[in-house]
Amino acid sequence: MKISSAGSTFSTVLRGTKMATVLVSRRFKDPVDFPKGKIRYGKVSPRTVGDVDAIVSLLTDPIDENIFAAAPRLKIVANVAVGVDNID
């Protein structure tokens, strides 16, 4: 998995994906520009990531080897935080 910061956007990473499925761990007050596709809100866990192309998470959401193993379609993890301490 490639880890990028700041320069990568959903539209760039998900290019070629007709209808991306995005799992968002929390609802945000400010509007967020997501790619066209299915947006689903919920907890990030191995049971919820099997069909997702992208995850939008917070620092309190651990993204570890169990999440990566359960998400074969996963192309990008967007961390709404400073740092990547929650991503293993």
N, C-alpha and C. Protein backbone atom coordinates (compact mmCIF):
# COMPACT_ATOMS: atom_id res chain seq x y z
N MET A 1 0.84 -1.17 0.00
CA MET A 1 0.00 0.00 0.00
C MET A 1 0.88 1.23 0.00
N LYS A 2 0.54 2.18 -0.83
CA LYS A 2 1.28 3.44 -0.91
C LYS A 2 0.71 4.42 0.10
N ILE A 3 1.56 5.07 0.84
CA ILE A 3 1.13 6.08 1.79
C ILE A 3 1.53 7.44 1.25
N SER A 4 0.55 8.30 1.08
CA SER A 4 0.79 9.66 0.57
C SER A 4 0.20 10.65 1.56
N SER A 5 0.63 11.88 1.45
CA SER A 5 0.04 12.91 2.30
C SER A 5 -0.20 14.16 1.48
N ALA A 6 -1.21 14.87 1.86
CA ALA A 6 -1.58 16.18 1.31
C ALA A 6 -1.79 16.22 -0.21
N GLY A 7 -0.92 15.67 -1.01
CA GLY A 7 -1.05 15.79 -2.46
C GLY A 7 -2.10 14.90 -3.08
N SER A 8 -2.40 13.75 -2.49
CA SER A 8 -3.37 12.83 -3.06
C SER A 8 -4.78 13.26 -2.68
N THR A 9 -5.68 13.15 -3.63
CA THR A 9 -7.09 13.43 -3.37
C THR A 9 -7.91 12.22 -3.74
N PHE A 10 -9.15 12.19 -3.26
CA PHE A 10 -10.03 11.08 -3.60
C PHE A 10 -10.16 10.93 -5.11
N SER A 11 -10.39 12.03 -5.79
CA SER A 11 -10.63 11.95 -7.23
C SER A 11 -9.43 11.37 -7.97
N THR A 12 -8.22 11.68 -7.53
CA THR A 12 -7.03 11.15 -8.17
C THR A 12 -6.87 9.66 -7.89
N VAL A 13 -6.98 9.29 -6.64
CA VAL A 13 -6.77 7.90 -6.25
C VAL A 13 -7.87 6.99 -6.76
N LEU A 14 -9.10 7.49 -6.76
CA LEU A 14 -10.23 6.67 -7.17
C LEU A 14 -10.57 6.81 -8.65
N ARG A 15 -9.70 7.44 -9.41
CA ARG A 15 -9.92 7.58 -10.85
C ARG A 15 -10.10 6.19 -11.46
N GLY A 16 -11.10 6.06 -12.30
CA GLY A 16 -11.37 4.77 -12.94
C GLY A 16 -12.35 3.91 -12.16
N THR A 17 -12.63 4.29 -10.93
CA THR A 17 -13.64 3.58 -10.13
C THR A 17 -14.97 4.24 -10.42
N LYS A 18 -15.88 3.52 -11.07
CA LYS A 18 -17.15 4.13 -11.49
C LYS A 18 -17.95 4.68 -10.31
N MET A 19 -18.27 3.84 -9.37
CA MET A 19 -19.05 4.27 -8.23
C MET A 19 -18.35 3.81 -6.96
N ALA A 20 -17.51 4.66 -6.43
CA ALA A 20 -16.73 4.32 -5.24
C ALA A 20 -17.65 4.18 -4.03
N THR A 21 -17.32 3.25 -3.16
CA THR A 21 -18.00 3.10 -1.88
C THR A 21 -17.06 3.65 -0.82
N VAL A 22 -17.52 4.67 -0.09
CA VAL A 22 -16.70 5.35 0.90
C VAL A 22 -17.31 5.15 2.28
N LEU A 23 -16.52 4.64 3.22
CA LEU A 23 -16.95 4.50 4.60
C LEU A 23 -16.40 5.69 5.38
N VAL A 24 -17.31 6.46 5.99
CA VAL A 24 -16.94 7.65 6.77
C VAL A 24 -17.27 7.34 8.22
N SER A 25 -16.27 7.45 9.11
CA SER A 25 -16.45 7.02 10.49
C SER A 25 -17.28 7.99 11.33
N ARG A 26 -17.38 9.23 10.94
CA ARG A 26 -18.16 10.23 11.69
C ARG A 26 -18.81 11.21 10.72
N ARG A 27 -19.88 11.82 11.15
CA ARG A 27 -20.47 12.91 10.37
C ARG A 27 -19.75 14.20 10.76
N PHE A 28 -19.45 15.03 9.76
CA PHE A 28 -18.71 16.26 10.00
C PHE A 28 -19.64 17.46 9.90
N LYS A 29 -19.37 18.50 10.70
CA LYS A 29 -20.16 19.73 10.64
C LYS A 29 -19.98 20.43 9.30
N ASP A 30 -18.73 20.54 8.88
CA ASP A 30 -18.43 21.24 7.63
C ASP A 30 -18.67 20.32 6.45
N PRO A 31 -19.10 20.88 5.32
CA PRO A 31 -19.31 20.03 4.14
C PRO A 31 -18.00 19.41 3.67
N VAL A 32 -18.07 18.17 3.25
CA VAL A 32 -16.90 17.44 2.76
C VAL A 32 -17.18 17.04 1.32
N ASP A 33 -16.21 17.24 0.46
CA ASP A 33 -16.36 16.92 -0.96
C ASP A 33 -15.94 15.48 -1.20
N PHE A 34 -16.92 14.58 -1.28
CA PHE A 34 -16.65 13.18 -1.54
C PHE A 34 -16.82 12.89 -3.02
N PRO A 35 -16.21 11.83 -3.51
CA PRO A 35 -16.39 11.46 -4.92
C PRO A 35 -17.80 10.95 -5.15
N LYS A 36 -18.21 10.89 -6.41
CA LYS A 36 -19.50 10.31 -6.72
C LYS A 36 -19.48 8.85 -6.31
N GLY A 37 -20.55 8.42 -5.72
CA GLY A 37 -20.63 7.04 -5.30
C GLY A 37 -21.46 6.88 -4.05
N LYS A 38 -21.29 5.78 -3.40
CA LYS A 38 -22.04 5.44 -2.21
C LYS A 38 -21.27 5.88 -0.97
N ILE A 39 -21.87 6.75 -0.18
CA ILE A 39 -21.26 7.21 1.07
C ILE A 39 -21.99 6.50 2.21
N ARG A 40 -21.24 5.84 3.05
CA ARG A 40 -21.83 5.12 4.18
C ARG A 40 -21.16 5.61 5.45
N TYR A 41 -21.95 5.90 6.47
CA TYR A 41 -21.41 6.33 7.75
C TYR A 41 -21.47 5.17 8.73
N GLY A 42 -20.40 4.98 9.50
CA GLY A 42 -20.41 3.92 10.50
C GLY A 42 -19.03 3.65 11.05
N LYS A 43 -18.99 2.71 11.98
CA LYS A 43 -17.74 2.34 12.64
C LYS A 43 -16.82 1.61 11.65
N VAL A 44 -15.54 1.89 11.75
CA VAL A 44 -14.54 1.19 10.93
C VAL A 44 -14.17 -0.10 11.67
N SER A 45 -14.51 -1.23 11.06
CA SER A 45 -14.18 -2.53 11.64
C SER A 45 -14.04 -3.53 10.50
N PRO A 46 -13.43 -4.67 10.74
CA PRO A 46 -13.30 -5.67 9.68
C PRO A 46 -14.65 -6.07 9.08
N ARG A 47 -15.72 -6.02 9.86
CA ARG A 47 -17.05 -6.39 9.35
C ARG A 47 -17.65 -5.33 8.44
N THR A 48 -17.16 -4.09 8.50
CA THR A 48 -17.79 -3.00 7.74
C THR A 48 -16.98 -2.54 6.53
N VAL A 49 -15.81 -3.11 6.29
CA VAL A 49 -14.95 -2.58 5.23
C VAL A 49 -14.79 -3.48 4.00
N GLY A 50 -15.47 -4.59 3.97
CA GLY A 50 -15.28 -5.56 2.89
C GLY A 50 -15.56 -5.05 1.49
N ASP A 51 -16.46 -4.08 1.36
CA ASP A 51 -16.84 -3.59 0.03
C ASP A 51 -16.45 -2.13 -0.21
N VAL A 52 -15.56 -1.57 0.61
CA VAL A 52 -15.25 -0.15 0.47
C VAL A 52 -14.00 0.09 -0.38
N ASP A 53 -14.03 1.20 -1.11
CA ASP A 53 -12.89 1.66 -1.89
C ASP A 53 -12.08 2.69 -1.13
N ALA A 54 -12.72 3.36 -0.16
CA ALA A 54 -12.06 4.43 0.60
C ALA A 54 -12.62 4.47 2.01
N ILE A 55 -11.76 4.89 2.94
CA ILE A 55 -12.17 5.10 4.33
C ILE A 55 -11.78 6.51 4.73
N VAL A 56 -12.71 7.22 5.36
CA VAL A 56 -12.42 8.52 5.96
C VAL A 56 -12.51 8.31 7.46
N SER A 57 -11.38 8.46 8.16
CA SER A 57 -11.34 8.14 9.58
C SER A 57 -10.78 9.29 10.40
N LEU A 58 -10.97 9.18 11.69
CA LEU A 58 -10.39 10.12 12.64
C LEU A 58 -9.24 9.43 13.37
N LEU A 59 -8.49 10.20 14.13
CA LEU A 59 -7.35 9.68 14.86
C LEU A 59 -7.76 8.60 15.86
N THR A 60 -9.00 8.64 16.31
CA THR A 60 -9.48 7.65 17.28
C THR A 60 -9.89 6.33 16.64
N ASP A 61 -9.86 6.24 15.32
CA ASP A 61 -10.22 5.01 14.61
C ASP A 61 -8.95 4.24 14.24
N PRO A 62 -8.68 3.11 14.90
CA PRO A 62 -7.48 2.35 14.54
C PRO A 62 -7.65 1.67 13.17
N ILE A 63 -6.70 1.90 12.30
CA ILE A 63 -6.68 1.26 10.98
C ILE A 63 -5.45 0.35 10.99
N ASP A 64 -5.67 -0.94 11.20
CA ASP A 64 -4.54 -1.86 11.35
C ASP A 64 -4.61 -2.99 10.34
N GLU A 65 -3.76 -4.00 10.53
CA GLU A 65 -3.68 -5.10 9.56
C GLU A 65 -5.01 -5.84 9.42
N ASN A 66 -5.84 -5.86 10.46
CA ASN A 66 -7.14 -6.52 10.36
C ASN A 66 -8.06 -5.78 9.40
N ILE A 67 -8.00 -4.46 9.42
CA ILE A 67 -8.81 -3.65 8.50
C ILE A 67 -8.31 -3.85 7.08
N PHE A 68 -7.01 -3.75 6.87
CA PHE A 68 -6.46 -3.91 5.52
C PHE A 68 -6.75 -5.30 4.95
N ALA A 69 -6.65 -6.33 5.77
CA ALA A 69 -6.91 -7.69 5.31
C ALA A 69 -8.37 -7.89 4.93
N ALA A 70 -9.27 -7.20 5.61
CA ALA A 70 -10.71 -7.36 5.36
C ALA A 70 -11.22 -6.47 4.24
N ALA A 71 -10.36 -5.61 3.67
CA ALA A 71 -10.80 -4.64 2.66
C ALA A 71 -10.02 -4.80 1.36
N PRO A 72 -10.32 -5.82 0.57
CA PRO A 72 -9.55 -6.06 -0.66
C PRO A 72 -9.68 -4.96 -1.71
N ARG A 73 -10.76 -4.18 -1.68
CA ARG A 73 -10.96 -3.10 -2.66
C ARG A 73 -10.38 -1.76 -2.21
N LEU A 74 -9.91 -1.67 -0.98
CA LEU A 74 -9.46 -0.41 -0.39
C LEU A 74 -8.32 0.21 -1.19
N LYS A 75 -8.51 1.49 -1.57
CA LYS A 75 -7.51 2.21 -2.35
C LYS A 75 -6.90 3.38 -1.58
N ILE A 76 -7.67 3.95 -0.63
CA ILE A 76 -7.19 5.13 0.09
C ILE A 76 -7.82 5.19 1.48
N VAL A 77 -7.01 5.64 2.44
CA VAL A 77 -7.49 5.95 3.78
C VAL A 77 -7.21 7.43 3.99
N ALA A 78 -8.26 8.20 4.20
CA ALA A 78 -8.11 9.63 4.48
C ALA A 78 -8.28 9.82 5.98
N ASN A 79 -7.25 10.32 6.59
CA ASN A 79 -7.24 10.51 8.03
C ASN A 79 -7.51 11.97 8.32
N VAL A 80 -8.64 12.26 8.98
CA VAL A 80 -8.99 13.64 9.31
C VAL A 80 -8.33 13.96 10.66
N ALA A 81 -7.04 14.21 10.59
CA ALA A 81 -6.25 14.44 11.80
C ALA A 81 -4.87 14.91 11.39
N VAL A 82 -4.10 15.28 12.37
CA VAL A 82 -2.69 15.60 12.14
C VAL A 82 -1.92 14.36 12.55
N GLY A 83 -1.16 13.79 11.61
CA GLY A 83 -0.39 12.59 11.91
C GLY A 83 -1.10 11.33 11.43
N VAL A 84 -0.39 10.22 11.56
CA VAL A 84 -0.93 8.93 11.12
C VAL A 84 -0.69 7.85 12.19
N ASP A 85 -0.67 8.24 13.46
CA ASP A 85 -0.38 7.28 14.52
C ASP A 85 -1.41 6.16 14.61
N ASN A 86 -2.61 6.37 14.11
CA ASN A 86 -3.65 5.34 14.18
C ASN A 86 -3.62 4.37 13.01
N ILE A 87 -2.74 4.59 12.02
CA ILE A 87 -2.67 3.73 10.86
C ILE A 87 -1.39 2.89 10.94
N ASP A 88 -1.57 1.56 11.02
CA ASP A 88 -0.43 0.65 11.12
C ASP A 88 -0.14 0.04 9.77
